[in-house]
Amino acid sequence: HAVLFLVLAFFTSAAIWIMLEAEF
């Protein structure tokens, strides 16, 4: 479950970076 929550954290960080126009 900890690993799955970490995957969710990575996905959310990626969404924030997309909002900041850092798609790469």
PDB file of all heavy atoms in Angstrom:
ATOM      1  N   HIS A   1       0.828  -1.206   0.000  1.00  0.00           N
ATOM      2  CA  HIS A   1       0.000   0.000   0.000  1.00  0.00           C
ATOM      3  C   HIS A   1       0.863   1.258   0.000  1.00  0.00           C
ATOM      4  O   HIS A   1       0.516   2.268  -0.630  1.00  0.00           O
ATOM      5  CB  HIS A   1      -0.932  -0.002   1.208  1.00  0.00           C
ATOM      6  CG  HIS A   1      -1.935  -1.116   1.172  1.00  0.00           C
ATOM      7  ND1 HIS A   1      -2.724  -1.440   2.264  1.00  0.00           N
ATOM      8  CD2 HIS A   1      -2.278  -1.988   0.185  1.00  0.00           C
ATOM      9  CE1 HIS A   1      -3.510  -2.468   1.952  1.00  0.00           C
ATOM     10  NE2 HIS A   1      -3.250  -2.813   0.698  1.00  0.00           N
ATOM     11  N   ALA A   2       1.997   1.214   0.709  1.00  0.00           N
ATOM     12  CA  ALA A   2       2.899   2.365   0.714  1.00  0.00           C
ATOM     13  C   ALA A   2       3.449   2.643  -0.683  1.00  0.00           C
ATOM     14  O   ALA A   2       3.543   3.805  -1.100  1.00  0.00           O
ATOM     15  CB  ALA A   2       4.045   2.118   1.702  1.00  0.00           C
ATOM     16  N   VAL A   3       3.800   1.597  -1.408  1.00  0.00           N
ATOM     17  CA  VAL A   3       4.295   1.782  -2.774  1.00  0.00           C
ATOM     18  C   VAL A   3       3.206   2.352  -3.670  1.00  0.00           C
ATOM     19  O   VAL A   3       3.462   3.244  -4.498  1.00  0.00           O
ATOM     20  CB  VAL A   3       4.831   0.444  -3.324  1.00  0.00           C
ATOM     21  CG1 VAL A   3       5.156   0.561  -4.804  1.00  0.00           C
ATOM     22  CG2 VAL A   3       6.062   0.007  -2.559  1.00  0.00           C
ATOM     23  N   LEU A   4       1.985   1.885  -3.519  1.00  0.00           N
ATOM     24  CA  LEU A   4       0.886   2.402  -4.337  1.00  0.00           C
ATOM     25  C   LEU A   4       0.597   3.873  -4.017  1.00  0.00           C
ATOM     26  O   LEU A   4       0.317   4.667  -4.926  1.00  0.00           O
ATOM     27  CB  LEU A   4      -0.364   1.548  -4.121  1.00  0.00           C
ATOM     28  CG  LEU A   4      -0.257   0.098  -4.606  1.00  0.00           C
ATOM     29  CD1 LEU A   4      -1.528  -0.667  -4.292  1.00  0.00           C
ATOM     30  CD2 LEU A   4       0.034   0.046  -6.101  1.00  0.00           C
ATOM     31  N   PHE A   5       0.681   4.250  -2.752  1.00  0.00           N
ATOM     32  CA  PHE A   5       0.515   5.663  -2.401  1.00  0.00           C
ATOM     33  C   PHE A   5       1.664   6.504  -2.960  1.00  0.00           C
ATOM     34  O   PHE A   5       1.461   7.660  -3.353  1.00  0.00           O
ATOM     35  CB  PHE A   5       0.425   5.838  -0.888  1.00  0.00           C
ATOM     36  CG  PHE A   5      -0.950   5.616  -0.334  1.00  0.00           C
ATOM     37  CD1 PHE A   5      -1.211   4.556   0.514  1.00  0.00           C
ATOM     38  CD2 PHE A   5      -1.982   6.475  -0.672  1.00  0.00           C
ATOM     39  CE1 PHE A   5      -2.487   4.348   1.026  1.00  0.00           C
ATOM     40  CE2 PHE A   5      -3.262   6.279  -0.165  1.00  0.00           C
ATOM     41  CZ  PHE A   5      -3.510   5.217   0.680  1.00  0.00           C
ATOM     42  N   LEU A   6       2.860   5.945  -3.018  1.00  0.00           N
ATOM     43  CA  LEU A   6       3.985   6.671  -3.615  1.00  0.00           C
ATOM     44  C   LEU A   6       3.782   6.861  -5.115  1.00  0.00           C
ATOM     45  O   LEU A   6       4.131   7.903  -5.676  1.00  0.00           O
ATOM     46  CB  LEU A   6       5.290   5.917  -3.333  1.00  0.00           C
ATOM     47  CG  LEU A   6       6.586   6.629  -3.714  1.00  0.00           C
ATOM     48  CD1 LEU A   6       6.677   7.983  -3.030  1.00  0.00           C
ATOM     49  CD2 LEU A   6       7.789   5.771  -3.359  1.00  0.00           C
ATOM     50  N   VAL A   7       3.207   5.865  -5.775  1.00  0.00           N
ATOM     51  CA  VAL A   7       2.855   6.016  -7.196  1.00  0.00           C
ATOM     52  C   VAL A   7       1.838   7.146  -7.373  1.00  0.00           C
ATOM     53  O   VAL A   7       1.945   7.966  -8.296  1.00  0.00           O
ATOM     54  CB  VAL A   7       2.312   4.681  -7.743  1.00  0.00           C
ATOM     55  CG1 VAL A   7       1.711   4.878  -9.122  1.00  0.00           C
ATOM     56  CG2 VAL A   7       3.416   3.645  -7.803  1.00  0.00           C
ATOM     57  N   LEU A   8       0.853   7.207  -6.484  1.00  0.00           N
ATOM     58  CA  LEU A   8      -0.116   8.303  -6.543  1.00  0.00           C
ATOM     59  C   LEU A   8       0.554   9.657  -6.337  1.00  0.00           C
ATOM     60  O   LEU A   8       0.217  10.648  -7.016  1.00  0.00           O
ATOM     61  CB  LEU A   8      -1.205   8.084  -5.491  1.00  0.00           C
ATOM     62  CG  LEU A   8      -2.272   9.181  -5.369  1.00  0.00           C
ATOM     63  CD1 LEU A   8      -3.031   9.343  -6.680  1.00  0.00           C
ATOM     64  CD2 LEU A   8      -3.225   8.868  -4.224  1.00  0.00           C
ATOM     65  N   ALA A   9       1.525   9.717  -5.427  1.00  0.00           N
ATOM     66  CA  ALA A   9       2.255  10.965  -5.206  1.00  0.00           C
ATOM     67  C   ALA A   9       3.043  11.371  -6.447  1.00  0.00           C
ATOM     68  O   ALA A   9       3.096  12.559  -6.811  1.00  0.00           O
ATOM     69  CB  ALA A   9       3.192  10.815  -4.008  1.00  0.00           C
ATOM     70  N   PHE A  10       3.632  10.401  -7.131  1.00  0.00           N
ATOM     71  CA  PHE A  10       4.373  10.719  -8.357  1.00  0.00           C
ATOM     72  C   PHE A  10       3.433  11.224  -9.451  1.00  0.00           C
ATOM     73  O   PHE A  10       3.750  12.177 -10.172  1.00  0.00           O
ATOM     74  CB  PHE A  10       5.147   9.491  -8.833  1.00  0.00           C
ATOM     75  CG  PHE A  10       6.389   9.205  -8.039  1.00  0.00           C
ATOM     76  CD1 PHE A  10       6.916   7.924  -7.988  1.00  0.00           C
ATOM     77  CD2 PHE A  10       7.027  10.210  -7.344  1.00  0.00           C
ATOM     78  CE1 PHE A  10       8.060   7.664  -7.252  1.00  0.00           C
ATOM     79  CE2 PHE A  10       8.170   9.965  -6.607  1.00  0.00           C
ATOM     80  CZ  PHE A  10       8.692   8.690  -6.565  1.00  0.00           C
ATOM     81  N   PHE A  11       2.288  10.588  -9.599  1.00  0.00           N
ATOM     82  CA  PHE A  11       1.329  11.041 -10.603  1.00  0.00           C
ATOM     83  C   PHE A  11       0.845  12.461 -10.304  1.00  0.00           C
ATOM     84  O   PHE A  11       0.706  13.286 -11.212  1.00  0.00           O
ATOM     85  CB  PHE A  11       0.136  10.081 -10.673  1.00  0.00           C
ATOM     86  CG  PHE A  11       0.305   8.984 -11.673  1.00  0.00           C
ATOM     87  CD1 PHE A  11       0.478   7.670 -11.277  1.00  0.00           C
ATOM     88  CD2 PHE A  11       0.282   9.263 -13.036  1.00  0.00           C
ATOM     89  CE1 PHE A  11       0.640   6.658 -12.193  1.00  0.00           C
ATOM     90  CE2 PHE A  11       0.442   8.248 -13.965  1.00  0.00           C
ATOM     91  CZ  PHE A  11       0.616   6.944 -13.547  1.00  0.00           C
ATOM     92  N   THR A  12       0.607  12.750  -9.045  1.00  0.00           N
ATOM     93  CA  THR A  12       0.146  14.091  -8.682  1.00  0.00           C
ATOM     94  C   THR A  12       1.244  15.121  -8.919  1.00  0.00           C
ATOM     95  O   THR A  12       0.964  16.235  -9.376  1.00  0.00           O
ATOM     96  CB  THR A  12      -0.291  14.107  -7.212  1.00  0.00           C
ATOM     97  OG1 THR A  12      -1.161  13.001  -6.957  1.00  0.00           O
ATOM     98  CG2 THR A  12      -1.018  15.380  -6.880  1.00  0.00           C
ATOM     99  N   SER A  13       2.494  14.777  -8.612  1.00  0.00           N
ATOM    100  CA  SER A  13       3.604  15.685  -8.905  1.00  0.00           C
ATOM    101  C   SER A  13       3.729  15.940 -10.400  1.00  0.00           C
ATOM    102  O   SER A  13       4.001  17.070 -10.826  1.00  0.00           O
ATOM    103  CB  SER A  13       4.911  15.100  -8.365  1.00  0.00           C
ATOM    104  OG  SER A  13       4.845  14.913  -6.973  1.00  0.00           O
ATOM    105  N   ALA A  14       3.516  14.907 -11.200  1.00  0.00           N
ATOM    106  CA  ALA A  14       3.542  15.086 -12.651  1.00  0.00           C
ATOM    107  C   ALA A  14       2.433  16.027 -13.115  1.00  0.00           C
ATOM    108  O   ALA A  14       2.642  16.867 -14.010  1.00  0.00           O
ATOM    109  CB  ALA A  14       3.412  13.729 -13.347  1.00  0.00           C
ATOM    110  N   ALA A  15       1.258  15.935 -12.504  1.00  0.00           N
ATOM    111  CA  ALA A  15       0.171  16.845 -12.867  1.00  0.00           C
ATOM    112  C   ALA A  15       0.515  18.287 -12.517  1.00  0.00           C
ATOM    113  O   ALA A  15       0.227  19.220 -13.290  1.00  0.00           O
ATOM    114  CB  ALA A  15      -1.111  16.417 -12.158  1.00  0.00           C
ATOM    115  N   ILE A  16       1.163  18.496 -11.369  1.00  0.00           N
ATOM    116  CA  ILE A  16       1.563  19.852 -10.990  1.00  0.00           C
ATOM    117  C   ILE A  16       2.617  20.388 -11.945  1.00  0.00           C
ATOM    118  O   ILE A  16       2.599  21.566 -12.334  1.00  0.00           O
ATOM    119  CB  ILE A  16       2.053  19.866  -9.529  1.00  0.00           C
ATOM    120  CG1 ILE A  16       0.901  19.531  -8.587  1.00  0.00           C
ATOM    121  CG2 ILE A  16       2.667  21.217  -9.170  1.00  0.00           C
ATOM    122  CD1 ILE A  16       1.305  19.422  -7.127  1.00  0.00           C
ATOM    123  N   TRP A  17       3.557  19.540 -12.363  1.00  0.00           N
ATOM    124  CA  TRP A  17       4.572  19.983 -13.318  1.00  0.00           C
ATOM    125  C   TRP A  17       3.956  20.323 -14.674  1.00  0.00           C
ATOM    126  O   TRP A  17       4.429  21.229 -15.361  1.00  0.00           O
ATOM    127  CB  TRP A  17       5.646  18.918 -13.464  1.00  0.00           C
ATOM    128  CG  TRP A  17       6.660  18.986 -12.369  1.00  0.00           C
ATOM    129  CD1 TRP A  17       6.841  20.008 -11.487  1.00  0.00           C
ATOM    130  CD2 TRP A  17       7.621  17.999 -12.029  1.00  0.00           C
ATOM    131  NE1 TRP A  17       7.859  19.721 -10.622  1.00  0.00           N
ATOM    132  CE2 TRP A  17       8.361  18.499 -10.930  1.00  0.00           C
ATOM    133  CE3 TRP A  17       7.930  16.746 -12.536  1.00  0.00           C
ATOM    134  CZ2 TRP A  17       9.399  17.796 -10.340  1.00  0.00           C
ATOM    135  CZ3 TRP A  17       8.962  16.046 -11.943  1.00  0.00           C
ATOM    136  CH2 TRP A  17       9.689  16.558 -10.866  1.00  0.00           C
ATOM    137  N   ILE A  18       2.931  19.600 -15.068  1.00  0.00           N
ATOM    138  CA  ILE A  18       2.248  19.939 -16.315  1.00  0.00           C
ATOM    139  C   ILE A  18       1.574  21.304 -16.200  1.00  0.00           C
ATOM    140  O   ILE A  18       1.575  22.094 -17.153  1.00  0.00           O
ATOM    141  CB  ILE A  18       1.238  18.838 -16.682  1.00  0.00           C
ATOM    142  CG1 ILE A  18       1.976  17.573 -17.131  1.00  0.00           C
ATOM    143  CG2 ILE A  18       0.302  19.308 -17.795  1.00  0.00           C
ATOM    144  CD1 ILE A  18       1.072  16.407 -17.415  1.00  0.00           C
ATOM    145  N   MET A  19       1.014  21.596 -15.036  1.00  0.00           N
ATOM    146  CA  MET A  19       0.436  22.924 -14.834  1.00  0.00           C
ATOM    147  C   MET A  19       1.489  24.023 -14.931  1.00  0.00           C
ATOM    148  O   MET A  19       1.195  25.141 -15.366  1.00  0.00           O
ATOM    149  CB  MET A  19      -0.249  22.993 -13.470  1.00  0.00           C
ATOM    150  CG  MET A  19      -1.518  22.182 -13.356  1.00  0.00           C
ATOM    151  SD  MET A  19      -2.287  22.417 -11.730  1.00  0.00           S
ATOM    152  CE  MET A  19      -2.569  24.186 -11.773  1.00  0.00           C
ATOM    153  N   LEU A  20       2.714  23.719 -14.551  1.00  0.00           N
ATOM    154  CA  LEU A  20       3.805  24.685 -14.624  1.00  0.00           C
ATOM    155  C   LEU A  20       4.510  24.672 -15.975  1.00  0.00           C
ATOM    156  O   LEU A  20       5.593  25.239 -16.107  1.00  0.00           O
ATOM    157  CB  LEU A  20       4.824  24.403 -13.505  1.00  0.00           C
ATOM    158  CG  LEU A  20       4.296  24.543 -12.080  1.00  0.00           C
ATOM    159  CD1 LEU A  20       5.356  24.128 -11.071  1.00  0.00           C
ATOM    160  CD2 LEU A  20       3.845  25.966 -11.824  1.00  0.00           C
ATOM    161  N   GLU A  21       3.904  23.997 -16.961  1.00  0.00           N
ATOM    162  CA  GLU A  21       4.442  23.897 -18.324  1.00  0.00           C
ATOM    163  C   GLU A  21       5.810  23.224 -18.352  1.00  0.00           C
ATOM    164  O   GLU A  21       6.686  23.597 -19.127  1.00  0.00           O
ATOM    165  CB  GLU A  21       4.515  25.268 -18.982  1.00  0.00           C
ATOM    166  CG  GLU A  21       3.150  25.918 -19.196  1.00  0.00           C
ATOM    167  CD  GLU A  21       3.238  27.199 -19.974  1.00  0.00           C
ATOM    168  OE1 GLU A  21       4.366  27.579 -20.381  1.00  0.00           O
ATOM    169  OE2 GLU A  21       2.194  27.838 -20.186  1.00  0.00           O
ATOM    170  N   ALA A  22       5.996  22.235 -17.505  1.00  0.00           N
ATOM    171  CA  ALA A  22       7.210  21.415 -17.507  1.00  0.00           C
ATOM    172  C   ALA A  22       6.826  20.001 -17.914  1.00  0.00           C
ATOM    173  O   ALA A  22       6.896  19.057 -17.120  1.00  0.00           O
ATOM    174  CB  ALA A  22       7.880  21.438 -16.139  1.00  0.00           C
ATOM    175  N   GLU A  23       6.383  19.874 -19.165  1.00  0.00           N
ATOM    176  CA  GLU A  23       5.866  18.586 -19.634  1.00  0.00           C
ATOM    177  C   GLU A  23       6.941  17.511 -19.667  1.00  0.00           C
ATOM    178  O   GLU A  23       6.672  16.339 -19.405  1.00  0.00           O
ATOM    179  CB  GLU A  23       5.248  18.741 -21.019  1.00  0.00           C
ATOM    180  CG  GLU A  23       4.022  19.629 -21.076  1.00  0.00           C
ATOM    181  CD  GLU A  23       4.388  21.089 -21.264  1.00  0.00           C
ATOM    182  OE1 GLU A  23       5.595  21.363 -21.394  1.00  0.00           O
ATOM    183  OE2 GLU A  23       3.474  21.929 -21.280  1.00  0.00           O
ATOM    184  N   PHE A  24       8.170  17.901 -19.993  1.00  0.00           N
ATOM    185  CA  PHE A  24       9.246  16.907 -20.069  1.00  0.00           C
ATOM    186  C   PHE A  24       9.499  16.264 -18.716  1.00  0.00           C
ATOM    187  O   PHE A  24       9.647  15.044 -18.608  1.00  0.00           O
ATOM    188  CB  PHE A  24      10.521  17.570 -20.597  1.00  0.00           C
ATOM    189  CG  PHE A  24      11.713  16.661 -20.618  1.00  0.00           C
ATOM    190  CD1 PHE A  24      11.819  15.674 -21.582  1.00  0.00           C
ATOM    191  CD2 PHE A  24      12.715  16.779 -19.672  1.00  0.00           C
ATOM    192  CE1 PHE A  24      12.915  14.821 -21.599  1.00  0.00           C
ATOM    193  CE2 PHE A  24      13.797  15.939 -19.682  1.00  0.00           C
ATOM    194  CZ  PHE A  24      13.907  14.956 -20.648  1.00  0.00           C
TER     195      PHE A  24
END
